[in-house]
C-alpha atoms as a PDB file:
ATOM      1  CA  GLN A   1     -12.447   1.328  15.779  1.00  0.00           C
ATOM      2  CA  VAL A   2     -10.256   2.316  12.871  1.00  0.00           C
ATOM      3  CA  GLN A   3     -11.550   1.340   9.457  1.00  0.00           C
ATOM      4  CA  ILE A   4      -9.285   0.942   6.475  1.00  0.00           C
ATOM      5  CA  ALA A   5     -10.526   0.821   2.892  1.00  0.00           C
ATOM      6  CA  GLU A   6      -8.184  -0.040   0.045  1.00  0.00           C
ATOM      7  CA  SER A   7      -9.147   0.292  -3.615  1.00  0.00           C
ATOM      8  CA  GLY A   8      -7.737   0.574  -7.097  1.00  0.00           C
ATOM      9  CA  GLY A   9      -6.513  -2.928  -7.768  1.00  0.00           C
ATOM     10  CA  GLY A  10      -7.184  -4.873 -10.928  1.00  0.00           C
ATOM     11  CA  LEU A  11      -5.868  -7.109 -13.674  1.00  0.00           C
ATOM     12  CA  VAL A  12      -3.149  -5.559 -15.813  1.00  0.00           C
ATOM     13  CA  GLN A  13      -0.492  -6.707 -18.244  1.00  0.00           C
ATOM     14  CA  PRO A  14       3.218  -6.575 -17.451  1.00  0.00           C
ATOM     15  CA  GLY A  15       4.583  -3.073 -17.895  1.00  0.00           C
ATOM     16  CA  GLU A  16       1.299  -1.354 -17.147  1.00  0.00           C
ATOM     17  CA  SER A  17       0.437   0.891 -14.207  1.00  0.00           C
ATOM     18  CA  LEU A  18      -2.055   1.060 -11.362  1.00  0.00           C
ATOM     19  CA  THR A  19      -2.726   3.531  -8.584  1.00  0.00           C
ATOM     20  CA  LEU A  20      -3.982   2.216  -5.265  1.00  0.00           C
ATOM     21  CA  SER A  21      -5.792   4.290  -2.651  1.00  0.00           C
ATOM     22  CA  CYS A  22      -6.252   3.683   1.036  1.00  0.00           C
ATOM     23  CA  THR A  23      -8.576   5.729   3.196  1.00  0.00           C
ATOM     24  CA  VAL A  24      -8.355   5.509   6.973  1.00  0.00           C
ATOM     25  CA  SER A  25     -11.010   6.572   9.458  1.00  0.00           C
ATOM     26  CA  LYS A  26      -8.671   7.830  12.145  1.00  0.00           C
ATOM     27  CA  GLU A  27      -8.378  11.188  13.823  1.00  0.00           C
ATOM     28  CA  ASN A  28      -4.942  12.724  13.613  1.00  0.00           C
ATOM     29  CA  PHE A  29      -4.155  10.511  10.631  1.00  0.00           C
ATOM     30  CA  GLU A  30      -1.422  12.972   9.725  1.00  0.00           C
ATOM     31  CA  ASN A  31       0.559  11.917  12.801  1.00  0.00           C
ATOM     32  CA  TYR A  32       0.991   8.331  11.670  1.00  0.00           C
ATOM     33  CA  ALA A  33       3.616   6.789   9.448  1.00  0.00           C
ATOM     34  CA  MET A  34       1.816   4.601   6.940  1.00  0.00           C
ATOM     35  CA  GLY A  35       2.809   1.611   4.883  1.00  0.00           C
ATOM     36  CA  TRP A  36       1.622  -0.360   1.893  1.00  0.00           C
ATOM     37  CA  PHE A  37       1.984  -4.080   2.464  1.00  0.00           C
ATOM     38  CA  ARG A  38       1.410  -6.893   0.016  1.00  0.00           C
ATOM     39  CA  GLN A  39       0.814 -10.601   0.241  1.00  0.00           C
ATOM     40  CA  ALA A  40       1.531 -12.869  -2.675  1.00  0.00           C
ATOM     41  CA  PRO A  41      -0.205 -16.255  -2.922  1.00  0.00           C
ATOM     42  CA  GLY A  42       1.357 -18.663  -0.456  1.00  0.00           C
ATOM     43  CA  LYS A  43       3.690 -16.070   0.999  1.00  0.00           C
ATOM     44  CA  GLN A  44       3.793 -13.872   4.069  1.00  0.00           C
ATOM     45  CA  ARG A  45       2.704 -10.281   4.041  1.00  0.00           C
ATOM     46  CA  GLU A  46       5.606  -7.959   3.328  1.00  0.00           C
ATOM     47  CA  LEU A  47       6.174  -4.224   3.435  1.00  0.00           C
ATOM     48  CA  ALA A  48       6.407  -2.651  -0.019  1.00  0.00           C
ATOM     49  CA  ALA A  49       6.600   1.055   0.795  1.00  0.00           C
ATOM     50  CA  SER A  50       6.227   3.439   3.712  1.00  0.00           C
ATOM     51  CA  ILE A  51       5.789   7.150   4.300  1.00  0.00           C
ATOM     52  CA  THR A  52       6.333   9.096   7.490  1.00  0.00           C
ATOM     53  CA  TYR A  53       4.136  11.845   8.886  1.00  0.00           C
ATOM     54  CA  ASN A  54       6.438  14.380   7.197  1.00  0.00           C
ATOM     55  CA  LYS A  55       6.410  12.467   3.894  1.00  0.00           C
ATOM     56  CA  ILE A  56       9.781  10.758   4.011  1.00  0.00           C
ATOM     57  CA  THR A  57       9.449   7.618   1.905  1.00  0.00           C
ATOM     58  CA  ASN A  58      11.124   4.240   1.883  1.00  0.00           C
ATOM     59  CA  TYR A  59      10.787   1.291  -0.478  1.00  0.00           C
ATOM     60  CA  ALA A  60      11.544  -2.386  -0.627  1.00  0.00           C
ATOM     61  CA  ASP A  61      14.340  -3.123  -3.070  1.00  0.00           C
ATOM     62  CA  SER A  62      11.918  -5.094  -5.246  1.00  0.00           C
ATOM     63  CA  VAL A  63       9.771  -2.013  -5.969  1.00  0.00           C
ATOM     64  CA  LYS A  64      12.299   0.802  -5.757  1.00  0.00           C
ATOM     65  CA  GLY A  65      12.203   3.004  -8.842  1.00  0.00           C
ATOM     66  CA  ARG A  66       8.817   1.646  -9.930  1.00  0.00           C
ATOM     67  CA  PHE A  67       6.442   2.432  -7.048  1.00  0.00           C
ATOM     68  CA  THR A  68       5.722   5.802  -5.444  1.00  0.00           C
ATOM     69  CA  ILE A  69       3.934   6.213  -2.129  1.00  0.00           C
ATOM     70  CA  SER A  70       2.253   9.484  -1.240  1.00  0.00           C
ATOM     71  CA  ARG A  71      -0.352  10.811   1.162  1.00  0.00           C
ATOM     72  CA  ASP A  72      -3.087  13.424   1.347  1.00  0.00           C
ATOM     73  CA  ASN A  73      -3.670  14.154   5.003  1.00  0.00           C
ATOM     74  CA  ALA A  74      -6.698  16.323   4.269  1.00  0.00           C
ATOM     75  CA  ARG A  75      -8.378  13.226   2.843  1.00  0.00           C
ATOM     76  CA  ASN A  76      -6.925  10.696   5.312  1.00  0.00           C
ATOM     77  CA  THR A  77      -5.649   8.847   2.270  1.00  0.00           C
ATOM     78  CA  VAL A  78      -2.412   7.210   1.244  1.00  0.00           C
ATOM     79  CA  TYR A  79      -1.669   6.272  -2.359  1.00  0.00           C
ATOM     80  CA  LEU A  80       0.594   3.820  -4.142  1.00  0.00           C
ATOM     81  CA  GLN A  81       1.448   4.604  -7.739  1.00  0.00           C
ATOM     82  CA  MET A  82       2.752   1.414  -9.341  1.00  0.00           C
ATOM     83  CA  ASN A  83       4.515   1.586 -12.701  1.00  0.00           C
ATOM     84  CA  SER A  84       6.234  -1.048 -14.829  1.00  0.00           C
ATOM     85  CA  LEU A  85       4.308  -3.775 -13.078  1.00  0.00           C
ATOM     86  CA  LYS A  86       5.712  -7.303 -13.119  1.00  0.00           C
ATOM     87  CA  PRO A  87       4.014 -10.673 -12.583  1.00  0.00           C
ATOM     88  CA  GLU A  88       5.811 -10.939  -9.238  1.00  0.00           C
ATOM     89  CA  ASP A  89       3.910  -7.848  -8.058  1.00  0.00           C
ATOM     90  CA  THR A  90       0.750  -9.956  -8.032  1.00  0.00           C
ATOM     91  CA  GLY A  91      -0.907 -10.139  -4.636  1.00  0.00           C
ATOM     92  CA  ILE A  92      -3.316  -8.501  -2.244  1.00  0.00           C
ATOM     93  CA  TYR A  93      -2.277  -5.010  -1.221  1.00  0.00           C
ATOM     94  CA  PHE A  94      -3.077  -3.613   2.201  1.00  0.00           C
ATOM     95  CA  CYS A  95      -2.254  -0.449   4.048  1.00  0.00           C
ATOM     96  CA  ASN A  96      -1.749   0.072   7.742  1.00  0.00           C
ATOM     97  CA  LYS A  97       0.237   2.176  10.120  1.00  0.00           C
ATOM     98  CA  MET A  98       3.898   1.484  10.625  1.00  0.00           C
ATOM     99  CA  GLY A  99       5.443   0.484  13.938  1.00  0.00           C
ATOM    100  CA  PHE A 100       5.309  -2.690  15.936  1.00  0.00           C
ATOM    101  CA  THR A 101       3.182  -5.439  14.417  1.00  0.00           C
ATOM    102  CA  SER A 102       1.202  -5.761  17.635  1.00  0.00           C
ATOM    103  CA  THR A 103       0.042  -2.149  17.365  1.00  0.00           C
ATOM    104  CA  ARG A 104      -1.379  -2.371  13.843  1.00  0.00           C
ATOM    105  CA  TRP A 105      -4.950  -1.359  13.294  1.00  0.00           C
ATOM    106  CA  ASP A 106      -7.342  -4.084  12.169  1.00  0.00           C
ATOM    107  CA  TRP A 107      -6.519  -4.938   8.574  1.00  0.00           C
ATOM    108  CA  GLY A 108      -8.864  -3.965   5.785  1.00  0.00           C
ATOM    109  CA  GLN A 109      -9.972  -6.246   2.972  1.00  0.00           C
ATOM    110  CA  GLY A 110      -7.096  -5.218   0.787  1.00  0.00           C
ATOM    111  CA  THR A 111      -7.195  -4.793  -2.962  1.00  0.00           C
ATOM    112  CA  GLN A 112      -6.175  -7.487  -5.434  1.00  0.00           C
ATOM    113  CA  VAL A 113      -3.485  -6.723  -7.991  1.00  0.00           C
ATOM    114  CA  THR A 114      -2.909  -9.267 -10.726  1.00  0.00           C
ATOM    115  CA  VAL A 115      -0.198  -8.794 -13.320  1.00  0.00           C
ATOM    116  CA  SER A 116      -0.480 -11.291 -16.136  1.00  0.00           C
ATOM    117  CA  SER A 117      -0.258 -11.455 -19.881  1.00  0.00           C
END
């Protein structure tokens, strides 16, 4: 069973930065496209950023220019550098593989990000 562990969240003020980490216990991790998803209170989970096996990245319009996704395949880890944080970035952040929703690994606990003054 694949285990996912997200970390790095916290309470920050608008304009500040955070870096999230996600470690995945999966062989051949480097073969999987990965995504950072987020779920705001009362809203559905949405994709914020993704990275392919060969490190091609894509971003939701709402985070483009502020967030950077990266991966370290030697550590089975994907990162999300978040700059210029806004209150609307508040939510629980999860990572998982990309692809059809039905093929996702079991979700981890996520990491809470709260942006508030």
